[in-house]
């Protein structure tokens, strides 16, 4: 009986000591303050969205992006995370989805007032 108990305790010790845990670090991006639509946001739309949204609402072709987003109700500066454009890109919309970093830039730009700068 004593040998069986020692054997079981030994197995438990071996099993628990051989476990390896991989800690998944959360994605953290340093998004700068004072984002510029022209410098930071427009290039993302050009790369990720413009090919499909040349004739589909919101039209995101050169020179029309900002106006169409704002006039079309896609941006909600009162509740940035509920902006339609932000929700769409986080659902994996399109054939070239936003990266988590691009999504963080978009949200920060909306939080800062979605300025046309």
PDB file of N, CA and C in Angstrom:
ATOM      1  N   UNK A   1       0.822  -1.189   0.000  1.00  0.00           N
ATOM      2  CA  UNK A   1       0.000   0.000   0.000  1.00  0.00           C
ATOM      3  C   UNK A   1       0.867   1.253   0.000  1.00  0.00           C
ATOM      4  N   UNK A   2       1.940   1.192   0.813  1.00  0.00           N
ATOM      5  CA  UNK A   2       2.844   2.320   0.903  1.00  0.00           C
ATOM      6  C   UNK A   2       3.546   2.556  -0.440  1.00  0.00           C
ATOM      7  N   UNK A   3       3.925   1.453  -1.121  1.00  0.00           N
ATOM      8  CA  UNK A   3       4.594   1.566  -2.407  1.00  0.00           C
ATOM      9  C   UNK A   3       3.647   2.150  -3.461  1.00  0.00           C
ATOM     10  N   UNK A   4       2.392   1.758  -3.426  1.00  0.00           N
ATOM     11  CA  UNK A   4       1.396   2.280  -4.369  1.00  0.00           C
ATOM     12  C   UNK A   4       1.191   3.773  -4.173  1.00  0.00           C
ATOM     13  N   UNK A   5       1.128   4.202  -2.947  1.00  0.00           N
ATOM     14  CA  UNK A   5       0.945   5.609  -2.632  1.00  0.00           C
ATOM     15  C   UNK A   5       2.153   6.418  -3.095  1.00  0.00           C
ATOM     16  N   UNK A   6       3.353   5.912  -2.853  1.00  0.00           N
ATOM     17  CA  UNK A   6       4.572   6.586  -3.300  1.00  0.00           C
ATOM     18  C   UNK A   6       4.633   6.634  -4.825  1.00  0.00           C
ATOM     19  N   UNK A   7       4.208   5.567  -5.487  1.00  0.00           N
ATOM     20  CA  UNK A   7       4.195   5.518  -6.937  1.00  0.00           C
ATOM     21  C   UNK A   7       3.253   6.577  -7.505  1.00  0.00           C
ATOM     22  N   UNK A   8       2.051   6.679  -6.940  1.00  0.00           N
ATOM     23  CA  UNK A   8       1.068   7.664  -7.383  1.00  0.00           C
ATOM     24  C   UNK A   8       1.568   9.085  -7.145  1.00  0.00           C
ATOM     25  N   UNK A   9       2.127   9.341  -5.988  1.00  0.00           N
ATOM     26  CA  UNK A   9       2.691  10.664  -5.694  1.00  0.00           C
ATOM     27  C   UNK A   9       3.832  10.992  -6.650  1.00  0.00           C
ATOM     28  N   UNK A  10       4.641   9.993  -6.960  1.00  0.00           N
ATOM     29  CA  UNK A  10       5.737  10.191  -7.916  1.00  0.00           C
ATOM     30  C   UNK A  10       5.215  10.558  -9.293  1.00  0.00           C
ATOM     31  N   UNK A  11       4.176   9.876  -9.742  1.00  0.00           N
ATOM     32  CA  UNK A  11       3.574  10.192 -11.037  1.00  0.00           C
ATOM     33  C   UNK A  11       3.013  11.604 -11.064  1.00  0.00           C
ATOM     34  N   UNK A  12       2.338  11.973 -10.006  1.00  0.00           N
ATOM     35  CA  UNK A  12       1.780  13.333  -9.923  1.00  0.00           C
ATOM     36  C   UNK A  12       2.893  14.365  -9.978  1.00  0.00           C
ATOM     37  N   UNK A  13       3.962  14.129  -9.272  1.00  0.00           N
ATOM     38  CA  UNK A  13       5.101  15.051  -9.260  1.00  0.00           C
ATOM     39  C   UNK A  13       5.716  15.168 -10.645  1.00  0.00           C
ATOM     40  N   UNK A  14       5.901  14.042 -11.322  1.00  0.00           N
ATOM     41  CA  UNK A  14       6.489  14.057 -12.670  1.00  0.00           C
ATOM     42  C   UNK A  14       5.569  14.792 -13.641  1.00  0.00           C
ATOM     43  N   UNK A  15       4.287  14.500 -13.566  1.00  0.00           N
ATOM     44  CA  UNK A  15       3.334  15.128 -14.490  1.00  0.00           C
ATOM     45  C   UNK A  15       3.250  16.636 -14.294  1.00  0.00           C
ATOM     46  N   UNK A  16       3.206  17.087 -13.077  1.00  0.00           N
ATOM     47  CA  UNK A  16       3.065  18.524 -12.832  1.00  0.00           C
ATOM     48  C   UNK A  16       4.362  19.276 -13.076  1.00  0.00           C
ATOM     49  N   UNK A  17       5.488  18.635 -12.876  1.00  0.00           N
ATOM     50  CA  UNK A  17       6.757  19.337 -13.085  1.00  0.00           C
ATOM     51  C   UNK A  17       7.135  19.389 -14.554  1.00  0.00           C
ATOM     52  N   UNK A  18       6.521  18.550 -15.370  1.00  0.00           N
ATOM     53  CA  UNK A  18       6.857  18.563 -16.791  1.00  0.00           C
ATOM     54  C   UNK A  18       5.934  19.470 -17.600  1.00  0.00           C
ATOM     55  N   UNK A  19       4.972  20.099 -16.946  1.00  0.00           N
ATOM     56  CA  UNK A  19       4.058  21.001 -17.659  1.00  0.00           C
ATOM     57  C   UNK A  19       4.787  22.278 -18.033  1.00  0.00           C
ATOM     58  N   UNK A  20       4.498  22.739 -19.230  1.00  0.00           N
ATOM     59  CA  UNK A  20       5.078  23.988 -19.693  1.00  0.00           C
ATOM     60  C   UNK A  20       3.935  24.926 -20.044  1.00  0.00           C
ATOM     61  N   UNK A  21       4.015  26.134 -19.581  1.00  0.00           N
ATOM     62  CA  UNK A  21       2.964  27.105 -19.838  1.00  0.00           C
ATOM     63  C   UNK A  21       3.502  28.198 -20.745  1.00  0.00           C
ATOM     64  N   UNK A  22       2.778  28.450 -21.808  1.00  0.00           N
ATOM     65  CA  UNK A  22       3.127  29.540 -22.702  1.00  0.00           C
ATOM     66  C   UNK A  22       2.204  30.706 -22.392  1.00  0.00           C
ATOM     67  N   UNK A  23       2.775  31.764 -21.913  1.00  0.00           N
ATOM     68  CA  UNK A  23       1.995  32.952 -21.591  1.00  0.00           C
ATOM     69  C   UNK A  23       1.830  33.766 -22.864  1.00  0.00           C
ATOM     70  N   UNK A  24       0.599  34.094 -23.175  1.00  0.00           N
ATOM     71  CA  UNK A  24       0.323  34.912 -24.347  1.00  0.00           C
ATOM     72  C   UNK A  24       0.256  36.356 -23.900  1.00  0.00           C
ATOM     73  N   UNK A  25       1.167  37.121 -24.410  1.00  0.00           N
ATOM     74  CA  UNK A  25       1.218  38.541 -24.073  1.00  0.00           C
ATOM     75  C   UNK A  25       0.162  39.292 -24.870  1.00  0.00           C
ATOM     76  N   UNK A  26      -0.528  40.227 -24.255  1.00  0.00           N
ATOM     77  CA  UNK A  26      -1.511  41.013 -25.012  1.00  0.00           C
ATOM     78  C   UNK A  26      -0.791  41.924 -26.011  1.00  0.00           C
ATOM     79  N   UNK A  27      -1.463  42.194 -27.117  1.00  0.00           N
ATOM     80  CA  UNK A  27      -0.903  43.092 -28.114  1.00  0.00           C
ATOM     81  C   UNK A  27      -1.012  44.521 -27.605  1.00  0.00           C
ATOM     82  N   UNK A  28       0.115  45.182 -27.522  1.00  0.00           N
ATOM     83  CA  UNK A  28       0.142  46.560 -27.051  1.00  0.00           C
ATOM     84  C   UNK A  28       0.888  47.386 -28.092  1.00  0.00           C
ATOM     85  N   UNK A  29       0.234  48.411 -28.551  1.00  0.00           N
ATOM     86  CA  UNK A  29       0.838  49.277 -29.554  1.00  0.00           C
ATOM     87  C   UNK A  29       0.982  50.677 -28.983  1.00  0.00           C
ATOM     88  N   UNK A  30       2.092  51.273 -29.268  1.00  0.00           N
ATOM     89  CA  UNK A  30       2.307  52.666 -28.900  1.00  0.00           C
ATOM     90  C   UNK A  30       1.739  53.514 -30.030  1.00  0.00           C
ATOM     91  N   UNK A  31       0.521  53.965 -29.856  1.00  0.00           N
ATOM     92  CA  UNK A  31      -0.111  54.814 -30.857  1.00  0.00           C
ATOM     93  C   UNK A  31       0.126  56.252 -30.424  1.00  0.00           C
ATOM     94  N   UNK A  32       0.809  57.024 -31.276  1.00  0.00           N
ATOM     95  CA  UNK A  32       1.127  58.395 -30.879  1.00  0.00           C
ATOM     96  C   UNK A  32      -0.111  59.272 -30.797  1.00  0.00           C
ATOM     97  N   UNK A  33      -0.009  60.346 -30.047  1.00  0.00           N
ATOM     98  CA  UNK A  33      -1.063  61.351 -29.988  1.00  0.00           C
ATOM     99  C   UNK A  33      -0.967  62.225 -31.231  1.00  0.00           C
ATOM    100  N   UNK A  34      -2.064  62.894 -31.542  1.00  0.00           N
ATOM    101  CA  UNK A  34      -2.069  63.845 -32.656  1.00  0.00           C
ATOM    102  C   UNK A  34      -1.965  63.175 -34.014  1.00  0.00           C
ATOM    103  N   UNK A  35      -2.736  62.105 -34.212  1.00  0.00           N
ATOM    104  CA  UNK A  35      -2.680  61.416 -35.500  1.00  0.00           C
ATOM    105  C   UNK A  35      -3.222  62.307 -36.605  1.00  0.00           C
ATOM    106  N   UNK A  36      -2.629  62.187 -37.759  1.00  0.00           N
ATOM    107  CA  UNK A  36      -3.033  62.957 -38.929  1.00  0.00           C
ATOM    108  C   UNK A  36      -3.785  62.044 -39.891  1.00  0.00           C
ATOM    109  N   UNK A  37      -4.937  62.519 -40.377  1.00  0.00           N
ATOM    110  CA  UNK A  37      -5.682  61.740 -41.357  1.00  0.00           C
ATOM    111  C   UNK A  37      -4.814  61.491 -42.587  1.00  0.00           C
ATOM    112  N   UNK A  38      -4.190  62.539 -43.077  1.00  0.00           N
ATOM    113  CA  UNK A  38      -3.399  62.438 -44.303  1.00  0.00           C
ATOM    114  C   UNK A  38      -2.178  61.539 -44.127  1.00  0.00           C
ATOM    115  N   UNK A  39      -1.515  61.649 -43.011  1.00  0.00           N
ATOM    116  CA  UNK A  39      -0.272  60.910 -42.792  1.00  0.00           C
ATOM    117  C   UNK A  39      -0.482  59.488 -42.274  1.00  0.00           C
ATOM    118  N   UNK A  40      -1.473  59.283 -41.411  1.00  0.00           N
ATOM    119  CA  UNK A  40      -1.621  57.985 -40.745  1.00  0.00           C
ATOM    120  C   UNK A  40      -2.816  57.153 -41.210  1.00  0.00           C
ATOM    121  N   UNK A  41      -3.959  57.770 -41.427  1.00  0.00           N
ATOM    122  CA  UNK A  41      -5.191  57.029 -41.689  1.00  0.00           C
ATOM    123  C   UNK A  41      -5.436  56.823 -43.179  1.00  0.00           C
ATOM    124  N   UNK A  42      -5.294  57.864 -43.964  1.00  0.00           N
ATOM    125  CA  UNK A  42      -5.534  57.773 -45.410  1.00  0.00           C
ATOM    126  C   UNK A  42      -4.674  56.684 -46.067  1.00  0.00           C
ATOM    127  N   UNK A  43      -3.384  56.565 -45.728  1.00  0.00           N
ATOM    128  CA  UNK A  43      -2.585  55.490 -46.351  1.00  0.00           C
ATOM    129  C   UNK A  43      -3.110  54.082 -46.039  1.00  0.00           C
ATOM    130  N   UNK A  44      -3.680  53.907 -44.858  1.00  0.00           N
ATOM    131  CA  UNK A  44      -4.257  52.599 -44.525  1.00  0.00           C
ATOM    132  C   UNK A  44      -5.455  52.324 -45.425  1.00  0.00           C
ATOM    133  N   UNK A  45      -6.337  53.321 -45.589  1.00  0.00           N
ATOM    134  CA  UNK A  45      -7.493  53.154 -46.463  1.00  0.00           C
ATOM    135  C   UNK A  45      -7.062  52.911 -47.910  1.00  0.00           C
ATOM    136  N   UNK A  46      -6.033  53.624 -48.355  1.00  0.00           N
ATOM    137  CA  UNK A  46      -5.550  53.434 -49.726  1.00  0.00           C
ATOM    138  C   UNK A  46      -5.050  52.003 -49.929  1.00  0.00           C
ATOM    139  N   UNK A  47      -4.329  51.476 -48.961  1.00  0.00           N
ATOM    140  CA  UNK A  47      -3.756  50.140 -49.075  1.00  0.00           C
ATOM    141  C   UNK A  47      -4.802  49.048 -48.876  1.00  0.00           C
ATOM    142  N   UNK A  48      -5.707  49.230 -47.938  1.00  0.00           N
ATOM    143  CA  UNK A  48      -6.622  48.164 -47.543  1.00  0.00           C
ATOM    144  C   UNK A  48      -8.003  48.236 -48.185  1.00  0.00           C
ATOM    145  N   UNK A  49      -8.456  49.424 -48.561  1.00  0.00           N
ATOM    146  CA  UNK A  49      -9.872  49.592 -48.895  1.00  0.00           C
ATOM    147  C   UNK A  49     -10.157  50.125 -50.304  1.00  0.00           C
ATOM    148  N   UNK A  50      -9.286  50.955 -50.823  1.00  0.00           N
ATOM    149  CA  UNK A  50      -9.601  51.708 -52.041  1.00  0.00           C
ATOM    150  C   UNK A  50      -9.888  50.829 -53.247  1.00  0.00           C
ATOM    151  N   UNK A  51      -9.262  49.670 -53.356  1.00  0.00           N
ATOM    152  CA  UNK A  51      -9.492  48.839 -54.540  1.00  0.00           C
ATOM    153  C   UNK A  51     -10.942  48.373 -54.647  1.00  0.00           C
ATOM    154  N   UNK A  52     -11.576  48.071 -53.539  1.00  0.00           N
ATOM    155  CA  UNK A  52     -12.991  47.646 -53.562  1.00  0.00           C
ATOM    156  C   UNK A  52     -13.948  48.822 -53.389  1.00  0.00           C
ATOM    157  N   UNK A  53     -13.494  49.848 -52.686  1.00  0.00           N
ATOM    158  CA  UNK A  53     -14.379  50.972 -52.374  1.00  0.00           C
ATOM    159  C   UNK A  53     -14.146  52.164 -53.295  1.00  0.00           C
ATOM    160  N   UNK A  54     -13.914  51.876 -54.591  1.00  0.00           N
ATOM    161  CA  UNK A  54     -13.829  52.949 -55.574  1.00  0.00           C
ATOM    162  C   UNK A  54     -15.230  53.363 -56.005  1.00  0.00           C
ATOM    163  N   UNK A  55     -16.162  52.397 -55.989  1.00  0.00           N
ATOM    164  CA  UNK A  55     -17.541  52.670 -56.399  1.00  0.00           C
ATOM    165  C   UNK A  55     -18.566  52.134 -55.412  1.00  0.00           C
ATOM    166  N   UNK A  56     -18.110  51.632 -54.267  1.00  0.00           N
ATOM    167  CA  UNK A  56     -18.985  51.057 -53.252  1.00  0.00           C
ATOM    168  C   UNK A  56     -18.911  51.937 -52.013  1.00  0.00           C
ATOM    169  N   UNK A  57     -20.064  52.230 -51.409  1.00  0.00           N
ATOM    170  CA  UNK A  57     -20.081  53.091 -50.221  1.00  0.00           C
ATOM    171  C   UNK A  57     -19.433  52.395 -49.043  1.00  0.00           C
ATOM    172  N   UNK A  58     -18.635  53.100 -48.285  1.00  0.00           N
ATOM    173  CA  UNK A  58     -18.189  54.468 -48.540  1.00  0.00           C
ATOM    174  C   UNK A  58     -17.097  54.480 -49.606  1.00  0.00           C
ATOM    175  N   UNK A  59     -17.217  55.406 -50.527  1.00  0.00           N
ATOM    176  CA  UNK A  59     -16.209  55.534 -51.580  1.00  0.00           C
ATOM    177  C   UNK A  59     -14.940  56.084 -50.931  1.00  0.00           C
ATOM    178  N   UNK A  60     -13.853  55.347 -51.104  1.00  0.00           N
ATOM    179  CA  UNK A  60     -12.597  55.703 -50.440  1.00  0.00           C
ATOM    180  C   UNK A  60     -11.483  55.913 -51.451  1.00  0.00           C
ATOM    181  N   UNK A  61     -11.793  56.679 -52.494  1.00  0.00           N
ATOM    182  CA  UNK A  61     -10.786  56.992 -53.502  1.00  0.00           C
ATOM    183  C   UNK A  61     -10.115  58.313 -53.146  1.00  0.00           C
ATOM    184  N   UNK A  62      -9.006  58.553 -53.756  1.00  0.00           N
ATOM    185  CA  UNK A  62      -8.184  59.721 -53.447  1.00  0.00           C
ATOM    186  C   UNK A  62      -8.996  61.014 -53.478  1.00  0.00           C
ATOM    187  N   UNK A  63      -8.958  61.709 -52.362  1.00  0.00           N
ATOM    188  CA  UNK A  63      -9.631  62.985 -52.255  1.00  0.00           C
ATOM    189  C   UNK A  63     -11.042  62.918 -51.691  1.00  0.00           C
ATOM    190  N   UNK A  64     -11.644  61.739 -51.653  1.00  0.00           N
ATOM    191  CA  UNK A  64     -13.023  61.602 -51.189  1.00  0.00           C
ATOM    192  C   UNK A  64     -13.156  60.893 -49.848  1.00  0.00           C
ATOM    193  N   UNK A  65     -12.100  60.306 -49.367  1.00  0.00           N
ATOM    194  CA  UNK A  65     -12.181  59.448 -48.182  1.00  0.00           C
ATOM    195  C   UNK A  65     -12.804  60.158 -46.991  1.00  0.00           C
ATOM    196  N   UNK A  66     -12.230  61.258 -46.603  1.00  0.00           N
ATOM    197  CA  UNK A  66     -12.670  61.944 -45.391  1.00  0.00           C
ATOM    198  C   UNK A  66     -14.127  62.384 -45.494  1.00  0.00           C
ATOM    199  N   UNK A  67     -14.466  63.066 -46.561  1.00  0.00           N
ATOM    200  CA  UNK A  67     -15.830  63.579 -46.743  1.00  0.00           C
ATOM    201  C   UNK A  67     -16.851  62.446 -46.727  1.00  0.00           C
ATOM    202  N   UNK A  68     -16.562  61.367 -47.441  1.00  0.00           N
ATOM    203  CA  UNK A  68     -17.515  60.260 -47.515  1.00  0.00           C
ATOM    204  C   UNK A  68     -17.667  59.536 -46.183  1.00  0.00           C
ATOM    205  N   UNK A  69     -16.599  59.427 -45.417  1.00  0.00           N
ATOM    206  CA  UNK A  69     -16.690  58.805 -44.096  1.00  0.00           C
ATOM    207  C   UNK A  69     -17.523  59.657 -43.142  1.00  0.00           C
ATOM    208  N   UNK A  70     -17.258  60.953 -43.144  1.00  0.00           N
ATOM    209  CA  UNK A  70     -17.958  61.843 -42.216  1.00  0.00           C
ATOM    210  C   UNK A  70     -19.414  62.063 -42.630  1.00  0.00           C
ATOM    211  N   UNK A  71     -19.654  62.357 -43.899  1.00  0.00           N
ATOM    212  CA  UNK A  71     -21.013  62.627 -44.369  1.00  0.00           C
ATOM    213  C   UNK A  71     -21.874  61.367 -44.409  1.00  0.00           C
ATOM    214  N   UNK A  72     -21.244  60.225 -44.527  1.00  0.00           N
ATOM    215  CA  UNK A  72     -21.987  58.968 -44.604  1.00  0.00           C
ATOM    216  C   UNK A  72     -22.331  58.377 -43.256  1.00  0.00           C
ATOM    217  N   UNK A  73     -21.922  59.021 -42.177  1.00  0.00           N
ATOM    218  CA  UNK A  73     -22.240  58.540 -40.838  1.00  0.00           C
ATOM    219  C   UNK A  73     -21.405  57.348 -40.385  1.00  0.00           C
ATOM    220  N   UNK A  74     -20.232  57.162 -40.973  1.00  0.00           N
ATOM    221  CA  UNK A  74     -19.370  56.031 -40.619  1.00  0.00           C
ATOM    222  C   UNK A  74     -18.502  56.311 -39.398  1.00  0.00           C
ATOM    223  N   UNK A  75     -18.430  57.578 -38.988  1.00  0.00           N
ATOM    224  CA  UNK A  75     -17.589  57.991 -37.867  1.00  0.00           C
ATOM    225  C   UNK A  75     -18.485  58.518 -36.751  1.00  0.00           C
ATOM    226  N   UNK A  76     -18.258  58.048 -35.526  1.00  0.00           N
ATOM    227  CA  UNK A  76     -18.992  58.520 -34.357  1.00  0.00           C
ATOM    228  C   UNK A  76     -17.967  59.002 -33.332  1.00  0.00           C
ATOM    229  N   UNK A  77     -17.739  60.301 -33.299  1.00  0.00           N
ATOM    230  CA  UNK A  77     -16.735  60.838 -32.374  1.00  0.00           C
ATOM    231  C   UNK A  77     -17.214  60.843 -30.926  1.00  0.00           C
ATOM    232  N   UNK A  78     -18.529  60.738 -30.703  1.00  0.00           N
ATOM    233  CA  UNK A  78     -19.043  60.663 -29.332  1.00  0.00           C
ATOM    234  C   UNK A  78     -18.780  59.289 -28.718  1.00  0.00           C
ATOM    235  N   UNK A  79     -18.887  58.248 -29.518  1.00  0.00           N
ATOM    236  CA  UNK A  79     -18.614  56.876 -29.084  1.00  0.00           C
ATOM    237  C   UNK A  79     -17.740  56.212 -30.148  1.00  0.00           C
ATOM    238  N   UNK A  80     -16.442  56.518 -30.155  1.00  0.00           N
ATOM    239  CA  UNK A  80     -15.548  56.059 -31.227  1.00  0.00           C
ATOM    240  C   UNK A  80     -15.583  54.556 -31.506  1.00  0.00           C
ATOM    241  N   UNK A  81     -15.644  53.748 -30.461  1.00  0.00           N
ATOM    242  CA  UNK A  81     -15.632  52.293 -30.663  1.00  0.00           C
ATOM    243  C   UNK A  81     -16.913  51.787 -31.318  1.00  0.00           C
ATOM    244  N   UNK A  82     -17.960  52.610 -31.367  1.00  0.00           N
ATOM    245  CA  UNK A  82     -19.187  52.206 -32.035  1.00  0.00           C
ATOM    246  C   UNK A  82     -19.287  52.797 -33.440  1.00  0.00           C
ATOM    247  N   UNK A  83     -18.219  53.422 -33.918  1.00  0.00           N
ATOM    248  CA  UNK A  83     -18.198  53.939 -35.287  1.00  0.00           C
ATOM    249  C   UNK A  83     -18.340  52.775 -36.259  1.00  0.00           C
ATOM    250  N   UNK A  84     -19.193  52.955 -37.246  1.00  0.00           N
ATOM    251  CA  UNK A  84     -19.437  51.876 -38.209  1.00  0.00           C
ATOM    252  C   UNK A  84     -18.159  51.429 -38.903  1.00  0.00           C
ATOM    253  N   UNK A  85     -17.301  52.370 -39.262  1.00  0.00           N
ATOM    254  CA  UNK A  85     -16.056  52.010 -39.954  1.00  0.00           C
ATOM    255  C   UNK A  85     -15.149  51.196 -39.035  1.00  0.00           C
ATOM    256  N   UNK A  86     -15.104  51.545 -37.766  1.00  0.00           N
ATOM    257  CA  UNK A  86     -14.266  50.812 -36.810  1.00  0.00           C
ATOM    258  C   UNK A  86     -14.807  49.399 -36.590  1.00  0.00           C
ATOM    259  N   UNK A  87     -16.107  49.280 -36.479  1.00  0.00           N
ATOM    260  CA  UNK A  87     -16.719  47.958 -36.303  1.00  0.00           C
ATOM    261  C   UNK A  87     -16.458  47.088 -37.526  1.00  0.00           C
ATOM    262  N   UNK A  88     -16.631  47.644 -38.719  1.00  0.00           N
ATOM    263  CA  UNK A  88     -16.413  46.889 -39.962  1.00  0.00           C
ATOM    264  C   UNK A  88     -14.994  46.338 -40.038  1.00  0.00           C
ATOM    265  N   UNK A  89     -14.002  47.182 -39.785  1.00  0.00           N
ATOM    266  CA  UNK A  89     -12.622  46.707 -39.929  1.00  0.00           C
ATOM    267  C   UNK A  89     -12.268  45.676 -38.870  1.00  0.00           C
ATOM    268  N   UNK A  90     -12.935  45.712 -37.727  1.00  0.00           N
ATOM    269  CA  UNK A  90     -12.657  44.734 -36.683  1.00  0.00           C
ATOM    270  C   UNK A  90     -13.410  43.425 -36.879  1.00  0.00           C
ATOM    271  N   UNK A  91     -14.363  43.427 -37.786  1.00  0.00           N
ATOM    272  CA  UNK A  91     -15.064  42.189 -38.131  1.00  0.00           C
ATOM    273  C   UNK A  91     -14.319  41.419 -39.217  1.00  0.00           C
ATOM    274  N   UNK A  92     -13.194  41.978 -39.681  1.00  0.00           N
ATOM    275  CA  UNK A  92     -12.443  41.318 -40.742  1.00  0.00           C
ATOM    276  C   UNK A  92     -13.014  41.597 -42.124  1.00  0.00           C
ATOM    277  N   UNK A  93     -13.699  42.722 -42.260  1.00  0.00           N
ATOM    278  CA  UNK A  93     -14.324  43.113 -43.518  1.00  0.00           C
ATOM    279  C   UNK A  93     -13.275  43.228 -44.618  1.00  0.00           C
ATOM    280  N   UNK A  94     -13.594  42.701 -45.781  1.00  0.00           N
ATOM    281  CA  UNK A  94     -12.742  42.853 -46.946  1.00  0.00           C
ATOM    282  C   UNK A  94     -11.731  41.736 -47.118  1.00  0.00           C
ATOM    283  N   UNK A  95     -11.063  41.791 -48.247  1.00  0.00           N
ATOM    284  CA  UNK A  95     -10.091  40.750 -48.582  1.00  0.00           C
ATOM    285  C   UNK A  95      -8.711  41.032 -48.000  1.00  0.00           C
ATOM    286  N   UNK A  96      -8.508  42.231 -47.499  1.00  0.00           N
ATOM    287  CA  UNK A  96      -7.220  42.617 -46.929  1.00  0.00           C
ATOM    288  C   UNK A  96      -7.480  43.269 -45.568  1.00  0.00           C
ATOM    289  N   UNK A  97      -7.794  42.466 -44.537  1.00  0.00           N
ATOM    290  CA  UNK A  97      -8.228  43.032 -43.249  1.00  0.00           C
ATOM    291  C   UNK A  97      -7.161  43.886 -42.563  1.00  0.00           C
ATOM    292  N   UNK A  98      -7.651  44.790 -41.724  1.00  0.00           N
ATOM    293  CA  UNK A  98      -6.762  45.638 -40.931  1.00  0.00           C
ATOM    294  C   UNK A  98      -5.981  44.774 -39.944  1.00  0.00           C
ATOM    295  N   UNK A  99      -4.756  45.162 -39.686  1.00  0.00           N
ATOM    296  CA  UNK A  99      -3.984  44.540 -38.617  1.00  0.00           C
ATOM    297  C   UNK A  99      -4.466  45.138 -37.295  1.00  0.00           C
ATOM    298  N   UNK A 100      -4.168  44.499 -36.176  1.00  0.00           N
ATOM    299  CA  UNK A 100      -4.544  45.109 -34.890  1.00  0.00           C
ATOM    300  C   UNK A 100      -3.941  46.511 -34.714  1.00  0.00           C
ATOM    301  N   UNK A 101      -2.746  46.718 -35.202  1.00  0.00           N
ATOM    302  CA  UNK A 101      -2.125  48.039 -35.080  1.00  0.00           C
ATOM    303  C   UNK A 101      -2.861  49.079 -35.925  1.00  0.00           C
ATOM    304  N   UNK A 102      -3.240  48.725 -37.147  1.00  0.00           N
ATOM    305  CA  UNK A 102      -3.986  49.657 -37.999  1.00  0.00           C
ATOM    306  C   UNK A 102      -5.343  49.983 -37.377  1.00  0.00           C
ATOM    307  N   UNK A 103      -5.969  48.987 -36.807  1.00  0.00           N
ATOM    308  CA  UNK A 103      -7.243  49.196 -36.126  1.00  0.00           C
ATOM    309  C   UNK A 103      -7.077  50.136 -34.932  1.00  0.00           C
ATOM    310  N   UNK A 104      -5.982  49.979 -34.191  1.00  0.00           N
ATOM    311  CA  UNK A 104      -5.702  50.850 -33.040  1.00  0.00           C
ATOM    312  C   UNK A 104      -5.482  52.294 -33.498  1.00  0.00           C
ATOM    313  N   UNK A 105      -4.810  52.472 -34.636  1.00  0.00           N
ATOM    314  CA  UNK A 105      -4.610  53.826 -35.181  1.00  0.00           C
ATOM    315  C   UNK A 105      -5.952  54.448 -35.563  1.00  0.00           C
ATOM    316  N   UNK A 106      -6.803  53.672 -36.221  1.00  0.00           N
ATOM    317  CA  UNK A 106      -8.107  54.192 -36.624  1.00  0.00           C
ATOM    318  C   UNK A 106      -8.916  54.624 -35.406  1.00  0.00           C
ATOM    319  N   UNK A 107      -8.961  53.783 -34.386  1.00  0.00           N
ATOM    320  CA  UNK A 107      -9.715  54.121 -33.181  1.00  0.00           C
ATOM    321  C   UNK A 107      -9.157  55.376 -32.509  1.00  0.00           C
ATOM    322  N   UNK A 108      -7.850  55.466 -32.396  1.00  0.00           N
ATOM    323  CA  UNK A 108      -7.228  56.634 -31.749  1.00  0.00           C
ATOM    324  C   UNK A 108      -7.553  57.911 -32.531  1.00  0.00           C
ATOM    325  N   UNK A 109      -7.506  57.833 -33.859  1.00  0.00           N
ATOM    326  CA  UNK A 109      -7.819  58.997 -34.690  1.00  0.00           C
ATOM    327  C   UNK A 109      -9.269  59.445 -34.446  1.00  0.00           C
ATOM    328  N   UNK A 110     -10.188  58.494 -34.355  1.00  0.00           N
ATOM    329  CA  UNK A 110     -11.585  58.844 -34.084  1.00  0.00           C
ATOM    330  C   UNK A 110     -11.720  59.430 -32.681  1.00  0.00           C
ATOM    331  N   UNK A 111     -11.025  58.845 -31.700  1.00  0.00           N
ATOM    332  CA  UNK A 111     -11.067  59.353 -30.325  1.00  0.00           C
ATOM    333  C   UNK A 111     -10.539  60.780 -30.239  1.00  0.00           C
ATOM    334  N   UNK A 112      -9.616  61.120 -31.102  1.00  0.00           N
ATOM    335  CA  UNK A 112      -9.047  62.466 -31.104  1.00  0.00           C
ATOM    336  C   UNK A 112      -9.898  63.467 -31.894  1.00  0.00           C
ATOM    337  N   UNK A 113     -11.070  63.025 -32.345  1.00  0.00           N
ATOM    338  CA  UNK A 113     -11.987  63.938 -33.018  1.00  0.00           C
ATOM    339  C   UNK A 113     -12.105  63.738 -34.509  1.00  0.00           C
ATOM    340  N   UNK A 114     -11.416  62.751 -35.077  1.00  0.00           N
ATOM    341  CA  UNK A 114     -11.481  62.443 -36.506  1.00  0.00           C
ATOM    342  C   UNK A 114     -11.263  63.689 -37.367  1.00  0.00           C
ATOM    343  N   UNK A 115     -10.158  64.369 -37.088  1.00  0.00           N
ATOM    344  CA  UNK A 115      -9.866  65.618 -37.797  1.00  0.00           C
ATOM    345  C   UNK A 115      -9.379  65.369 -39.216  1.00  0.00           C
ATOM    346  N   UNK A 116      -9.682  66.294 -40.113  1.00  0.00           N
ATOM    347  CA  UNK A 116      -9.195  66.241 -41.491  1.00  0.00           C
ATOM    348  C   UNK A 116      -7.903  67.048 -41.546  1.00  0.00           C
ATOM    349  N   UNK A 117      -6.841  66.395 -41.137  1.00  0.00           N
ATOM    350  CA  UNK A 117      -5.547  67.092 -41.083  1.00  0.00           C
ATOM    351  C   UNK A 117      -4.474  66.300 -41.787  1.00  0.00           C
TER     352      UNK A 117
END
